[in-house]
Amino acid sequence: MNVYDEAHSLAKAIKESGEFKEFDRLRRLVDEDKEITEMLKELQELQMTIQASQMTGQTPDSEMIKRIQSLSTMAATKPLAAQYLTAQSAFSVMMNDVFGIIGEAMQIKE
C-alpha cells in the first residue's frame, strides 16, 4: 500500500463528496455577489478574532459580540449566505471527522 496513492484517493473521494460539491457550488455563487462575500468575510474574521481571544482567556468586547450577532442575523436573512454557511458547516464536519479518523489511527497503544 502506497501512502501517497491512498492520499490521492482520499482527496478524490473528498472532492467527489456531496458535501464538497455543494460547498464548492455555493462558494462560486457567493464569489459573484460582492455584498455577501464582504459580509461573510467580516463574519469569519470576527469569529476567528473571538476564538483567538477565548483561547488566550480574554473575553471579547461587547461591541464585537453585537457586530457578530448582527452579521449572523443578516446572513440568516439572505438565502444564499444561509445556504453557504450551512454547506460550509457540513463540509467542515466531514473534514473534522476525516482528520479524527486519521488521528485515531496514528495513536500508539501501550
N, C-alpha and C. Protein backbone atom coordinates (compact mmCIF):
# COMPACT_ATOMS: atom_id res chain seq x y z
N MET A 1 0.85 -1.17 0.00
CA MET A 1 0.00 0.00 0.00
C MET A 1 0.90 1.24 0.00
N ASN A 2 0.71 2.10 -0.97
CA ASN A 2 1.48 3.33 -1.08
C ASN A 2 0.68 4.47 -0.45
N VAL A 3 1.26 5.09 0.56
CA VAL A 3 0.58 6.15 1.30
C VAL A 3 0.17 7.29 0.38
N TYR A 4 1.03 7.63 -0.56
CA TYR A 4 0.74 8.75 -1.46
C TYR A 4 -0.45 8.42 -2.38
N ASP A 5 -0.50 7.19 -2.85
CA ASP A 5 -1.65 6.78 -3.67
C ASP A 5 -2.94 6.85 -2.86
N GLU A 6 -2.87 6.41 -1.62
CA GLU A 6 -4.05 6.45 -0.75
C GLU A 6 -4.47 7.89 -0.48
N ALA A 7 -3.49 8.78 -0.28
CA ALA A 7 -3.81 10.19 -0.05
C ALA A 7 -4.50 10.79 -1.26
N HIS A 8 -4.03 10.43 -2.45
CA HIS A 8 -4.68 10.92 -3.67
C HIS A 8 -6.09 10.36 -3.81
N SER A 9 -6.27 9.12 -3.41
CA SER A 9 -7.61 8.52 -3.44
C SER A 9 -8.54 9.22 -2.46
N LEU A 10 -8.03 9.53 -1.28
CA LEU A 10 -8.83 10.24 -0.29
C LEU A 10 -9.20 11.63 -0.80
N ALA A 11 -8.24 12.33 -1.38
CA ALA A 11 -8.51 13.66 -1.93
C ALA A 11 -9.59 13.60 -3.00
N LYS A 12 -9.51 12.57 -3.84
CA LYS A 12 -10.52 12.40 -4.90
C LYS A 12 -11.90 12.12 -4.30
N ALA A 13 -11.93 11.27 -3.28
CA ALA A 13 -13.20 10.95 -2.63
C ALA A 13 -13.81 12.19 -1.98
N ILE A 14 -12.98 13.01 -1.36
CA ILE A 14 -13.47 14.25 -0.74
C ILE A 14 -14.02 15.17 -1.82
N LYS A 15 -13.28 15.32 -2.90
CA LYS A 15 -13.71 16.21 -3.98
C LYS A 15 -15.01 15.73 -4.63
N GLU A 16 -15.26 14.45 -4.62
CA GLU A 16 -16.47 13.89 -5.22
C GLU A 16 -17.63 13.78 -4.22
N SER A 17 -17.37 14.12 -2.96
CA SER A 17 -18.42 14.01 -1.94
C SER A 17 -19.50 15.07 -2.16
N GLY A 18 -20.69 14.75 -1.73
CA GLY A 18 -21.80 15.69 -1.82
C GLY A 18 -21.53 16.96 -1.01
N GLU A 19 -20.89 16.79 0.14
CA GLU A 19 -20.59 17.94 0.99
C GLU A 19 -19.68 18.93 0.27
N PHE A 20 -18.63 18.41 -0.37
CA PHE A 20 -17.71 19.31 -1.06
C PHE A 20 -18.38 19.93 -2.29
N LYS A 21 -19.09 19.12 -3.06
CA LYS A 21 -19.71 19.64 -4.27
C LYS A 21 -20.69 20.77 -3.97
N GLU A 22 -21.49 20.60 -2.92
CA GLU A 22 -22.46 21.64 -2.56
C GLU A 22 -21.74 22.89 -2.04
N PHE A 23 -20.74 22.69 -1.20
CA PHE A 23 -19.96 23.82 -0.68
C PHE A 23 -19.28 24.57 -1.83
N ASP A 24 -18.68 23.86 -2.75
CA ASP A 24 -17.98 24.48 -3.88
C ASP A 24 -18.97 25.23 -4.79
N ARG A 25 -20.13 24.64 -5.03
CA ARG A 25 -21.14 25.29 -5.87
C ARG A 25 -21.59 26.61 -5.25
N LEU A 26 -21.86 26.57 -3.96
CA LEU A 26 -22.32 27.78 -3.28
C LEU A 26 -21.19 28.80 -3.13
N ARG A 27 -19.98 28.32 -2.95
CA ARG A 27 -18.83 29.24 -2.85
C ARG A 27 -18.68 30.03 -4.14
N ARG A 28 -18.88 29.38 -5.26
CA ARG A 28 -18.79 30.07 -6.55
C ARG A 28 -19.88 31.12 -6.70
N LEU A 29 -21.08 30.79 -6.25
CA LEU A 29 -22.19 31.75 -6.31
C LEU A 29 -21.93 32.94 -5.38
N VAL A 30 -21.43 32.66 -4.19
CA VAL A 30 -21.12 33.72 -3.24
C VAL A 30 -20.04 34.64 -3.81
N ASP A 31 -19.06 34.06 -4.47
CA ASP A 31 -17.97 34.86 -5.06
C ASP A 31 -18.49 35.87 -6.08
N GLU A 32 -19.64 35.60 -6.65
CA GLU A 32 -20.23 36.50 -7.65
C GLU A 32 -21.03 37.64 -7.01
N ASP A 33 -21.29 37.55 -5.71
CA ASP A 33 -22.08 38.56 -5.01
C ASP A 33 -21.18 39.29 -4.01
N LYS A 34 -20.75 40.48 -4.39
CA LYS A 34 -19.78 41.23 -3.58
C LYS A 34 -20.31 41.52 -2.18
N GLU A 35 -21.59 41.89 -2.06
CA GLU A 35 -22.16 42.21 -0.75
C GLU A 35 -22.09 41.02 0.20
N ILE A 36 -22.52 39.86 -0.30
CA ILE A 36 -22.50 38.65 0.55
C ILE A 36 -21.06 38.24 0.84
N THR A 37 -20.18 38.34 -0.15
CA THR A 37 -18.78 37.99 0.06
C THR A 37 -18.18 38.82 1.18
N GLU A 38 -18.40 40.12 1.15
CA GLU A 38 -17.85 41.01 2.18
C GLU A 38 -18.46 40.72 3.55
N MET A 39 -19.77 40.47 3.59
CA MET A 39 -20.43 40.18 4.85
C MET A 39 -19.88 38.89 5.46
N LEU A 40 -19.75 37.85 4.65
CA LEU A 40 -19.25 36.57 5.15
C LEU A 40 -17.78 36.67 5.55
N LYS A 41 -17.02 37.46 4.82
CA LYS A 41 -15.60 37.66 5.16
C LYS A 41 -15.48 38.33 6.53
N GLU A 42 -16.26 39.39 6.75
CA GLU A 42 -16.23 40.07 8.04
C GLU A 42 -16.69 39.15 9.17
N LEU A 43 -17.74 38.38 8.91
CA LEU A 43 -18.24 37.43 9.90
C LEU A 43 -17.15 36.42 10.28
N GLN A 44 -16.49 35.88 9.28
CA GLN A 44 -15.42 34.90 9.53
C GLN A 44 -14.26 35.52 10.31
N GLU A 45 -13.87 36.73 9.94
CA GLU A 45 -12.77 37.40 10.65
C GLU A 45 -13.13 37.65 12.11
N LEU A 46 -14.37 38.08 12.35
CA LEU A 46 -14.80 38.31 13.73
C LEU A 46 -14.84 37.01 14.52
N GLN A 47 -15.32 35.94 13.89
CA GLN A 47 -15.36 34.65 14.57
C GLN A 47 -13.96 34.19 14.96
N MET A 48 -13.00 34.36 14.05
CA MET A 48 -11.62 33.96 14.35
C MET A 48 -11.03 34.83 15.46
N THR A 49 -11.34 36.12 15.45
CA THR A 49 -10.84 37.02 16.49
C THR A 49 -11.40 36.63 17.85
N ILE A 50 -12.69 36.34 17.89
CA ILE A 50 -13.33 35.93 19.14
C ILE A 50 -12.74 34.61 19.64
N GLN A 51 -12.55 33.65 18.74
CA GLN A 51 -11.97 32.37 19.13
C GLN A 51 -10.56 32.55 19.67
N ALA A 52 -9.77 33.40 19.02
CA ALA A 52 -8.41 33.66 19.48
C ALA A 52 -8.42 34.29 20.86
N SER A 53 -9.34 35.22 21.08
CA SER A 53 -9.47 35.87 22.40
C SER A 53 -9.81 34.84 23.46
N GLN A 54 -10.76 33.98 23.15
CA GLN A 54 -11.20 32.97 24.12
C GLN A 54 -10.08 31.98 24.43
N MET A 55 -9.28 31.65 23.43
CA MET A 55 -8.18 30.70 23.65
C MET A 55 -7.10 31.28 24.56
N THR A 56 -6.98 32.60 24.59
CA THR A 56 -6.00 33.24 25.46
C THR A 56 -6.60 33.67 26.78
N GLY A 57 -7.85 33.29 27.01
CA GLY A 57 -8.51 33.60 28.26
C GLY A 57 -9.13 34.98 28.34
N GLN A 58 -9.15 35.70 27.23
CA GLN A 58 -9.73 37.03 27.21
C GLN A 58 -11.21 36.93 26.85
N THR A 59 -11.95 37.91 27.31
CA THR A 59 -13.37 38.00 26.98
C THR A 59 -13.54 38.99 25.84
N PRO A 60 -14.19 38.57 24.76
CA PRO A 60 -14.41 39.50 23.64
C PRO A 60 -15.24 40.70 24.10
N ASP A 61 -14.95 41.88 23.54
CA ASP A 61 -15.70 43.07 23.97
C ASP A 61 -17.13 43.01 23.42
N SER A 62 -17.99 43.75 24.09
CA SER A 62 -19.42 43.70 23.77
C SER A 62 -19.72 44.21 22.37
N GLU A 63 -18.95 45.17 21.88
CA GLU A 63 -19.17 45.68 20.52
C GLU A 63 -18.91 44.58 19.48
N MET A 64 -17.88 43.79 19.71
CA MET A 64 -17.56 42.71 18.80
C MET A 64 -18.67 41.66 18.81
N ILE A 65 -19.17 41.36 19.99
CA ILE A 65 -20.26 40.39 20.12
C ILE A 65 -21.51 40.91 19.40
N LYS A 66 -21.83 42.19 19.59
CA LYS A 66 -23.00 42.77 18.92
C LYS A 66 -22.85 42.73 17.41
N ARG A 67 -21.64 43.01 16.92
CA ARG A 67 -21.41 43.03 15.47
C ARG A 67 -21.55 41.63 14.89
N ILE A 68 -21.02 40.64 15.57
CA ILE A 68 -21.12 39.27 15.05
C ILE A 68 -22.57 38.79 15.08
N GLN A 69 -23.32 39.19 16.10
CA GLN A 69 -24.74 38.84 16.16
C GLN A 69 -25.51 39.51 15.02
N SER A 70 -25.18 40.76 14.76
CA SER A 70 -25.82 41.49 13.67
C SER A 70 -25.52 40.85 12.32
N LEU A 71 -24.24 40.51 12.10
CA LEU A 71 -23.86 39.87 10.83
C LEU A 71 -24.51 38.50 10.69
N SER A 72 -24.59 37.76 11.77
CA SER A 72 -25.22 36.43 11.74
C SER A 72 -26.70 36.54 11.39
N THR A 73 -27.37 37.54 11.94
CA THR A 73 -28.78 37.77 11.64
C THR A 73 -28.95 38.15 10.16
N MET A 74 -28.08 39.04 9.69
CA MET A 74 -28.13 39.45 8.28
C MET A 74 -27.90 38.26 7.36
N ALA A 75 -26.93 37.42 7.70
CA ALA A 75 -26.62 36.26 6.87
C ALA A 75 -27.81 35.30 6.82
N ALA A 76 -28.50 35.16 7.95
CA ALA A 76 -29.65 34.25 8.01
C ALA A 76 -30.80 34.73 7.13
N THR A 77 -30.88 36.04 6.88
CA THR A 77 -31.98 36.58 6.08
C THR A 77 -31.68 36.55 4.58
N LYS A 78 -30.45 36.26 4.23
CA LYS A 78 -30.07 36.17 2.82
C LYS A 78 -29.93 34.69 2.47
N PRO A 79 -30.85 34.16 1.66
CA PRO A 79 -30.84 32.72 1.38
C PRO A 79 -29.49 32.17 0.90
N LEU A 80 -28.82 32.88 0.01
CA LEU A 80 -27.52 32.38 -0.49
C LEU A 80 -26.51 32.30 0.64
N ALA A 81 -26.45 33.32 1.47
CA ALA A 81 -25.50 33.32 2.58
C ALA A 81 -25.82 32.19 3.57
N ALA A 82 -27.10 32.01 3.87
CA ALA A 82 -27.51 30.96 4.80
C ALA A 82 -27.18 29.57 4.24
N GLN A 83 -27.46 29.37 2.95
CA GLN A 83 -27.14 28.09 2.32
C GLN A 83 -25.63 27.83 2.32
N TYR A 84 -24.88 28.88 2.03
CA TYR A 84 -23.41 28.76 2.01
C TYR A 84 -22.90 28.36 3.40
N LEU A 85 -23.37 29.05 4.44
CA LEU A 85 -22.91 28.74 5.79
C LEU A 85 -23.28 27.32 6.21
N THR A 86 -24.46 26.87 5.80
CA THR A 86 -24.88 25.50 6.10
C THR A 86 -23.98 24.50 5.38
N ALA A 87 -23.70 24.76 4.10
CA ALA A 87 -22.83 23.86 3.32
C ALA A 87 -21.40 23.88 3.86
N GLN A 88 -20.93 25.06 4.25
CA GLN A 88 -19.59 25.17 4.82
C GLN A 88 -19.49 24.36 6.11
N SER A 89 -20.52 24.43 6.92
CA SER A 89 -20.55 23.69 8.17
C SER A 89 -20.54 22.18 7.92
N ALA A 90 -21.36 21.73 6.97
CA ALA A 90 -21.42 20.29 6.65
C ALA A 90 -20.06 19.80 6.13
N PHE A 91 -19.42 20.60 5.30
CA PHE A 91 -18.11 20.22 4.78
C PHE A 91 -17.08 20.19 5.91
N SER A 92 -17.14 21.17 6.80
CA SER A 92 -16.20 21.21 7.93
C SER A 92 -16.38 20.00 8.85
N VAL A 93 -17.63 19.62 9.09
CA VAL A 93 -17.89 18.45 9.93
C VAL A 93 -17.28 17.21 9.29
N MET A 94 -17.49 17.05 7.97
CA MET A 94 -16.93 15.89 7.27
C MET A 94 -15.41 15.88 7.39
N MET A 95 -14.78 17.03 7.15
CA MET A 95 -13.32 17.11 7.21
C MET A 95 -12.81 16.84 8.62
N ASN A 96 -13.49 17.37 9.63
CA ASN A 96 -13.10 17.10 11.01
C ASN A 96 -13.20 15.61 11.33
N ASP A 97 -14.25 14.97 10.81
CA ASP A 97 -14.39 13.52 11.00
C ASP A 97 -13.24 12.77 10.35
N VAL A 98 -12.87 13.17 9.14
CA VAL A 98 -11.75 12.52 8.44
C VAL A 98 -10.46 12.70 9.23
N PHE A 99 -10.19 13.93 9.69
CA PHE A 99 -8.98 14.18 10.48
C PHE A 99 -9.01 13.38 11.77
N GLY A 100 -10.19 13.26 12.37
CA GLY A 100 -10.32 12.48 13.59
C GLY A 100 -10.01 11.01 13.37
N ILE A 101 -10.50 10.46 12.26
CA ILE A 101 -10.23 9.06 11.94
C ILE A 101 -8.74 8.84 11.74
N ILE A 102 -8.10 9.75 11.02
CA ILE A 102 -6.65 9.63 10.79
C ILE A 102 -5.90 9.79 12.11
N GLY A 103 -6.32 10.74 12.93
CA GLY A 103 -5.68 10.95 14.21
C GLY A 103 -5.78 9.74 15.12
N GLU A 104 -6.96 9.11 15.14
CA GLU A 104 -7.14 7.90 15.95
C GLU A 104 -6.22 6.79 15.48
N ALA A 105 -6.08 6.66 14.18
CA ALA A 105 -5.24 5.61 13.62
C ALA A 105 -3.76 5.82 13.97
N MET A 106 -3.35 7.05 14.22
CA MET A 106 -1.96 7.36 14.49
C MET A 106 -1.58 7.18 15.96
N GLN A 107 -2.54 7.03 16.82
CA GLN A 107 -2.23 6.89 18.25
C GLN A 107 -1.58 5.54 18.51
N ILE A 108 -0.56 5.57 19.32
CA ILE A 108 0.16 4.35 19.67
C ILE A 108 -0.44 3.84 20.97
N LYS A 109 -0.85 2.58 20.97
CA LYS A 109 -1.46 2.00 22.17
C LYS A 109 -0.36 1.33 22.98
N GLU A 110 -0.42 1.57 24.26
CA GLU A 110 0.60 1.00 25.15
C GLU A 110 0.09 -0.24 25.84
